[in-house]
Amino acid sequence: EIGENPHVHKELLRNTVEVVTGICENTAQAMDDLASTLRPVRTVVRERGMDLFCAGTHPFADWSAQKLTDAPRYAELIKRTQWW
C-alpha cells in the first residue's frame, strides 16, 4: 500500500516486511536511510491502528495461524523445505 519502494520488500508471512538500506558509508547514513524509508510505512501502519515492531519473529502470534504471502518464490520455499 505504500507503492513501489526498492527498500521495502514483502516477506514469507503477510504480517512482515523487510526494510533495507542502500549502500551507506557510515552508521549515520544508514540511520537516515532507514528513517526515510520507514516514514511512509509508519503512516500506513498507524492508519490501521497498529505500530511497527522489529523482531526475528512475530512477538505474540501463533506461528501456525499466520497467513503466507501469495508469491511463487514463497510457495517454492515451503515446498522445498517442507516448512509450514
Protein backbone atom coordinates (compact mmCIF):
# COMPACT_ATOMS: atom_id res chain seq x y z
CA GLU A 1 0.00 0.00 0.00
CA ILE A 2 2.99 2.30 0.07
CA GLY A 3 3.55 1.72 -3.63
CA GLU A 4 6.74 0.54 -5.25
CA ASN A 5 9.68 1.06 -2.93
CA PRO A 6 13.04 -0.64 -3.57
CA HIS A 7 13.79 -0.51 0.16
CA VAL A 8 10.64 -2.32 1.37
CA HIS A 9 10.09 -5.98 0.48
CA LYS A 10 7.35 -8.49 1.18
CA GLU A 11 8.31 -11.45 3.30
CA LEU A 12 7.03 -15.00 3.64
CA LEU A 13 4.46 -14.01 6.27
CA ARG A 14 1.93 -11.35 5.27
CA ASN A 15 2.38 -9.53 8.59
CA THR A 16 6.09 -8.98 7.90
CA VAL A 17 8.11 -6.68 5.66
CA GLU A 18 11.85 -6.39 5.17
CA VAL A 19 13.29 -2.88 5.21
CA VAL A 20 16.74 -2.44 3.68
CA THR A 21 19.11 0.46 3.16
CA GLY A 22 21.01 1.48 0.11
CA ILE A 23 24.80 1.44 0.24
CA CYS A 24 25.89 3.60 3.17
CA GLU A 25 29.33 4.77 4.21
CA ASN A 26 28.59 5.05 7.91
CA THR A 27 26.02 4.39 10.59
CA ALA A 28 24.55 7.89 10.39
CA GLN A 29 23.79 7.43 6.69
CA ALA A 30 22.20 4.05 7.37
CA MET A 31 20.02 5.52 10.12
CA ASP A 32 18.92 8.40 7.87
CA ASP A 33 18.17 5.97 5.04
CA LEU A 34 16.09 3.72 7.31
CA ALA A 35 14.24 6.68 8.82
CA SER A 36 13.20 7.99 5.40
CA THR A 37 12.14 4.51 4.28
CA LEU A 38 10.12 3.86 7.44
CA ARG A 39 8.24 7.18 7.33
CA PRO A 40 5.61 6.10 4.75
CA VAL A 41 5.47 2.58 6.23
CA ARG A 42 4.64 4.03 9.66
CA THR A 43 1.90 6.18 8.12
CA VAL A 44 0.19 3.16 6.54
CA VAL A 45 0.55 1.08 9.70
CA ARG A 46 -0.75 3.79 12.04
CA GLU A 47 -3.76 4.45 9.79
CA ARG A 48 -4.75 0.90 10.69
CA GLY A 49 -4.31 1.44 14.43
CA MET A 50 -1.05 -0.51 14.63
CA ASP A 51 2.63 0.22 15.12
CA LEU A 52 5.89 -1.22 13.86
CA PHE A 53 7.89 -3.79 15.79
CA CYS A 54 11.31 -5.16 14.89
CA ALA A 55 12.00 -8.81 15.63
CA GLY A 56 13.01 -12.06 14.05
CA THR A 57 9.54 -13.49 14.65
CA HIS A 58 6.07 -12.15 15.39
CA PRO A 59 6.07 -11.14 19.07
CA PHE A 60 2.87 -12.90 20.15
CA ALA A 61 1.04 -14.64 17.28
CA ASP A 62 0.80 -18.40 16.89
CA TRP A 63 3.17 -19.22 14.03
CA SER A 64 0.87 -21.87 12.57
CA ALA A 65 -2.03 -19.42 12.20
CA GLN A 66 -0.08 -16.84 10.16
CA LYS A 67 -1.11 -16.19 6.55
CA LEU A 68 1.57 -16.62 3.94
CA THR A 69 2.35 -14.16 1.17
CA ASP A 70 0.93 -15.43 -2.13
CA ALA A 71 4.03 -15.49 -4.31
CA PRO A 72 5.70 -18.29 -6.31
CA ARG A 73 9.00 -17.69 -4.50
CA TYR A 74 7.47 -18.46 -1.12
CA ALA A 75 5.41 -21.40 -2.38
CA GLU A 76 8.62 -22.94 -3.74
CA LEU A 77 10.44 -22.27 -0.46
CA ILE A 78 7.74 -24.05 1.53
CA LYS A 79 7.62 -26.95 -0.94
CA ARG A 80 11.39 -27.34 -0.90
CA THR A 81 11.88 -27.08 2.86
CA GLN A 82 8.57 -28.65 3.95
CA TRP A 83 8.37 -25.83 6.46
CA TRP A 84 4.93 -24.61 7.42
